Protein backbone atom coordinates (compact mmCIF):
# COMPACT_ATOMS: atom_id res chain seq x y z
CA MET A 1 -12.85 14.92 11.39
CA PHE A 2 -10.42 16.29 8.79
CA TYR A 3 -10.18 12.81 7.27
CA TYR A 4 -13.86 12.88 6.33
CA VAL A 5 -13.65 16.46 5.07
CA LEU A 6 -10.85 15.37 2.74
CA LYS A 7 -12.69 12.22 1.69
CA TYR A 8 -16.16 13.60 1.04
CA VAL A 9 -15.70 17.34 0.47
CA ILE A 10 -12.24 18.19 -0.86
CA LEU A 11 -10.08 15.40 -2.23
CA GLY A 12 -12.49 12.54 -2.86
CA PRO A 13 -14.85 14.33 -5.26
CA LEU A 14 -11.90 15.92 -7.08
CA LEU A 15 -10.14 12.59 -7.62
CA ARG A 16 -13.32 10.95 -8.87
CA LEU A 17 -13.89 13.81 -11.29
CA LEU A 18 -10.34 13.86 -12.67
CA PHE A 19 -9.56 10.13 -12.89
CA ARG A 20 -13.08 8.66 -13.32
CA PRO A 21 -11.98 5.42 -11.61
CA ARG A 22 -13.49 2.16 -12.79
CA ILE A 23 -14.16 0.11 -9.67
CA ALA A 24 -14.62 -3.63 -9.39
CA GLY A 25 -15.22 -5.79 -6.32
CA LEU A 26 -15.99 -3.01 -3.85
CA GLU A 27 -18.55 -5.34 -2.28
CA HIS A 28 -15.65 -7.41 -0.92
CA ILE A 29 -14.76 -4.67 1.57
CA PRO A 30 -16.56 -5.60 4.82
CA GLU A 31 -19.06 -3.06 6.11
CA ASP A 32 -17.65 -3.36 9.63
CA GLY A 33 -14.96 -5.17 11.56
CA ALA A 34 -11.20 -5.32 11.18
CA ALA A 35 -9.58 -6.31 7.88
CA ILE A 36 -6.40 -5.70 5.93
CA VAL A 37 -6.50 -4.27 2.41
CA ALA A 38 -3.27 -5.33 0.69
CA GLY A 39 -2.46 -3.69 -2.62
CA ASN A 40 0.20 -3.17 -5.23
CA HIS A 41 2.00 0.16 -5.10
CA LEU A 42 2.69 1.90 -8.39
CA SER A 43 2.35 5.60 -7.70
CA PHE A 44 2.17 8.32 -5.07
CA SER A 45 -1.43 8.74 -6.23
CA ASP A 46 -2.31 5.34 -4.74
CA HIS A 47 -2.30 6.90 -1.26
CA PHE A 48 -5.31 9.01 -2.19
CA LEU A 49 -7.23 7.06 -4.81
CA MET A 50 -7.91 3.93 -2.80
CA PRO A 51 -9.15 5.76 0.34
CA ALA A 52 -11.33 7.97 -1.86
CA ILE A 53 -13.06 4.88 -3.24
CA ILE A 54 -13.53 2.81 -0.09
CA LYS A 55 -16.59 3.89 1.89
CA ARG A 56 -15.04 3.15 5.28
CA ARG A 57 -12.10 4.93 6.81
CA ILE A 58 -8.82 3.17 6.07
CA THR A 59 -5.50 3.79 7.81
CA PHE A 60 -2.26 3.22 5.94
CA LEU A 61 1.20 2.53 7.25
CA ALA A 62 3.12 5.28 5.43
CA LYS A 63 6.89 5.62 5.18
CA ALA A 64 8.39 7.87 7.84
CA GLU A 65 10.04 10.09 5.22
CA TYR A 66 6.63 11.63 4.49
CA PHE A 67 6.62 12.99 8.04
CA THR A 68 10.21 14.22 8.31
CA GLY A 69 10.78 16.31 5.17
CA PRO A 70 12.61 19.64 5.57
CA GLY A 71 11.20 23.15 5.17
CA LEU A 72 7.67 24.34 4.65
CA LYS A 73 6.89 21.63 2.10
CA GLY A 74 7.97 18.94 4.55
CA ARG A 75 5.84 20.36 7.35
CA LEU A 76 2.80 20.65 5.10
CA THR A 77 3.25 17.08 3.84
CA ALA A 78 3.58 15.75 7.39
CA ALA A 79 0.51 17.69 8.54
CA PHE A 80 -1.50 16.35 5.60
CA PHE A 81 -0.60 12.72 6.23
CA ARG A 82 -1.28 13.00 9.96
CA SER A 83 -4.63 14.67 9.33
CA ALA A 84 -5.50 11.88 6.91
CA GLY A 85 -4.90 9.35 9.69
CA GLN A 86 -1.73 7.82 8.27
CA ILE A 87 0.86 6.23 10.56
CA PRO A 88 4.60 6.85 10.02
CA VAL A 89 6.72 3.71 9.71
CA ASP A 90 10.51 3.52 9.85
CA ARG A 91 11.64 1.02 7.21
CA SER A 92 15.33 0.94 8.16
CA GLY A 93 15.71 -2.49 9.75
CA LYS A 94 14.26 -5.60 11.42
CA GLU A 95 13.23 -3.77 14.59
CA ALA A 96 11.54 -1.15 12.43
CA GLY A 97 9.51 -3.93 10.84
CA GLN A 98 8.38 -5.11 14.26
CA ALA A 99 7.32 -1.57 15.13
CA ALA A 100 5.24 -1.41 11.95
CA ILE A 101 3.53 -4.67 12.89
CA ARG A 102 2.71 -3.30 16.35
CA GLU A 103 1.23 -0.16 14.83
CA GLY A 104 -0.83 -2.18 12.35
CA LEU A 105 -2.14 -4.50 15.04
CA GLY A 106 -3.18 -1.44 17.04
CA VAL A 107 -5.37 -0.31 14.14
CA LEU A 108 -6.88 -3.77 13.70
CA SER A 109 -7.56 -4.15 17.44
CA LYS A 110 -9.98 -1.22 17.13
CA GLY A 111 -11.98 -3.03 14.44
CA GLU A 112 -10.73 -0.75 11.67
CA LEU A 113 -9.43 -1.20 8.13
CA LEU A 114 -5.67 -1.28 7.68
CA GLY A 115 -4.11 -0.54 4.30
CA ILE A 116 -0.71 -1.96 3.48
CA TYR A 117 1.57 -2.34 0.47
CA PRO A 118 3.32 -5.70 0.95
CA GLU A 119 6.06 -4.77 -1.55
CA GLY A 120 7.23 -2.20 0.99
CA THR A 121 7.94 0.50 -1.58
CA ARG A 122 6.67 1.83 -4.87
CA SER A 123 7.46 -0.17 -7.98
CA HIS A 124 10.03 1.73 -10.05
CA ASP A 125 9.10 0.03 -13.33
CA GLY A 126 5.45 -1.00 -13.05
CA LYS A 127 6.19 -4.64 -12.18
CA LEU A 128 4.93 -6.47 -9.09
CA TYR A 129 7.66 -7.44 -6.66
CA LYS A 130 8.01 -10.00 -3.88
CA GLY A 131 5.94 -9.22 -0.79
CA LYS A 132 7.32 -8.72 2.69
CA VAL A 133 5.85 -10.99 5.34
CA GLY A 134 4.50 -8.37 7.76
CA VAL A 135 1.07 -8.57 6.16
CA ALA A 136 0.91 -12.31 6.91
CA VAL A 137 2.08 -11.87 10.51
CA MET A 138 -0.58 -9.22 11.17
CA ALA A 139 -3.33 -11.27 9.51
CA LEU A 140 -2.53 -14.28 11.71
CA ARG A 141 -2.03 -12.41 14.98
CA ALA A 142 -5.20 -10.36 14.56
CA GLY A 143 -7.21 -13.19 12.99
CA VAL A 144 -8.53 -10.92 10.24
CA PRO A 145 -9.18 -11.40 6.51
CA VAL A 146 -7.00 -9.87 3.81
CA ILE A 147 -8.64 -8.21 0.82
CA PRO A 148 -6.29 -8.05 -2.18
CA CYS A 149 -6.39 -4.85 -4.21
CA ALA A 150 -4.94 -3.87 -7.58
CA MET A 151 -4.38 -0.35 -8.80
CA VAL A 152 -4.27 -0.38 -12.60
CA GLY A 153 -3.08 2.63 -14.58
CA THR A 154 -1.64 4.68 -11.71
CA PHE A 155 1.94 4.01 -12.81
CA GLU A 156 1.12 5.55 -16.18
CA ILE A 157 -0.46 8.67 -14.66
CA GLN A 158 2.29 9.29 -12.12
CA PRO A 159 5.43 7.15 -12.24
CA PRO A 160 8.15 7.75 -9.61
CA GLY A 161 9.74 11.17 -10.04
CA GLN A 162 6.76 12.80 -11.70
CA LYS A 163 5.35 15.51 -9.44
CA LEU A 164 1.93 16.03 -11.00
CA PRO A 165 -0.24 13.16 -12.29
CA LYS A 166 -1.61 13.00 -15.80
CA ILE A 167 -5.37 13.20 -16.10
CA LYS A 168 -6.31 9.72 -17.24
CA GLN A 169 -8.80 7.05 -16.21
CA VAL A 170 -7.61 4.40 -13.75
CA THR A 171 -9.01 1.10 -12.50
CA VAL A 172 -9.20 -0.22 -8.94
CA ARG A 173 -10.04 -3.89 -8.34
CA PHE A 174 -10.73 -5.64 -5.05
CA GLY A 175 -10.62 -9.40 -4.71
CA GLU A 176 -12.52 -11.74 -2.42
CA PRO A 177 -11.46 -11.73 1.24
CA MET A 178 -8.73 -14.24 2.02
CA GLU A 179 -8.73 -15.98 5.39
CA PHE A 180 -5.87 -17.97 6.86
CA SER A 181 -7.34 -19.68 9.92
CA ARG A 182 -5.67 -22.92 8.82
CA TYR A 183 -2.36 -21.31 9.80
CA GLU A 184 -3.52 -20.19 13.25
CA GLY A 185 -0.69 -20.09 15.77
CA MET A 186 2.01 -20.30 13.07
CA GLU A 187 2.89 -16.60 12.82
CA ASN A 188 6.44 -17.36 14.00
CA GLU A 189 7.04 -20.10 11.45
CA LYS A 190 8.91 -18.71 8.46
CA ALA A 191 7.56 -21.22 5.95
CA ALA A 192 3.95 -20.46 6.92
CA ILE A 193 4.17 -16.68 6.77
CA ARG A 194 6.09 -16.88 3.49
CA ALA A 195 3.39 -19.13 2.01
CA ILE A 196 0.63 -16.74 3.13
CA THR A 197 2.45 -13.71 1.74
CA ASP A 198 3.02 -15.40 -1.60
CA GLU A 199 -0.66 -16.36 -1.74
CA ILE A 200 -1.64 -12.73 -1.17
CA MET A 201 0.80 -11.50 -3.81
CA TYR A 202 -0.55 -14.01 -6.32
CA ALA A 203 -4.09 -12.73 -5.69
CA ILE A 204 -2.88 -9.16 -6.33
CA LEU A 205 -1.12 -10.37 -9.48
CA GLU A 206 -4.31 -11.99 -10.75
CA LEU A 207 -6.16 -8.71 -10.28
CA SER A 208 -3.48 -6.41 -11.71
CA GLY A 209 -2.09 -8.42 -14.62
CA GLN A 210 1.42 -7.14 -13.86
CA GLU A 211 4.66 -8.92 -14.59
CA TYR A 212 5.94 -10.54 -11.39
CA VAL A 213 9.53 -10.36 -10.13
CA ASP A 214 10.52 -12.79 -7.36
CA ARG A 215 12.80 -10.28 -5.66
CA TYR A 216 12.29 -7.47 -3.19
CA ALA A 217 11.76 -4.13 -4.91
CA ALA A 218 14.07 -2.35 -2.44
CA ASP A 219 16.95 -4.68 -3.36
CA VAL A 220 16.47 -4.08 -7.07
CA LYS A 221 16.28 -0.31 -6.51
CA ALA A 222 19.49 -0.41 -4.48
CA GLU A 223 21.29 -2.12 -7.35
CA LEU A 224 20.08 0.54 -9.78
CA GLU A 225 21.14 3.51 -7.65
CA PRO A 226 24.86 3.47 -8.60
CA ALA A 227 23.93 3.47 -12.28
CA LYS A 228 21.73 6.53 -11.76
CA LYS A 229 24.40 8.41 -9.83
CA PHE A 230 27.25 7.52 -12.15
CA PRO A 231 25.87 6.92 -15.64
CA ARG A 232 28.27 5.48 -18.17
CA ARG A 233 29.73 8.05 -20.51
CA ARG A 234 29.39 7.60 -24.20
CA ARG A 235 32.63 7.16 -26.06
C-alpha cells in the first residue's frame, strides 16, 4: 500500500515536477507478466526515478547497507526501502550472489517486474562498467525477457558523495525486450551467461551513450580507495 502512496501521491509527482524526465520507449515495458528491467546505475536518484516512471510496480534488489545503517537515519532509510518493496542483498561473496538470484527469482515467479543494476554498484565516474552475470542466470532460469534501461543525466544531478540532487532535467530510455530462449538450459555454462550479460550491457550502452570499461566497477573502486585514503602530498 505504502508503495503506491509513494509512487502516485508523494514521491512520484514531486520527482516528475523537479526533474521533468524525458521518457523514451516506455511502451517496451510489458503491461503484465514477469520481466527484468536492467539498467545502468549512475546515482542514488536512480532508485526513485525509474520506479516513478514505470506504471507497474517494480522491485529492486538493493544493497544490504541501505537496511543496516546506524542511528535514526539508518532506521529511517531501512524503513523507507522496505516500505518501497526493495529487497536487501548482501554483496560480499559468491554465496551472497546466489542468495540475490534466489530473491530475484522469487519476485519473477509471482509475475512481477524485477529491477536490477548488472554493474553491481554505482558508477563512480559516469562510465558504464562490465556487467555481472546474475541478470543472465535469472533471465534463463525464469524464462523472462530483459528490458534494457538507460538513465541519462542522473550522474550530473547527483554523483556519488553528493547528498542532495541538483534540479535538472534527466532522460530515461527503455529498449526493446530481449529474449534468450536460444540459450535455454545453459544457465550453468559460463560462456553462455557471459555472452548474454555482454549483450544486455551493449544494449544499455547503445541507449546511454556512455563510455564502456571492460572491468568490474567494484574492482576499479577498490583500486582507487588507497589513493583516496592516503593522497600524495605535494612537495
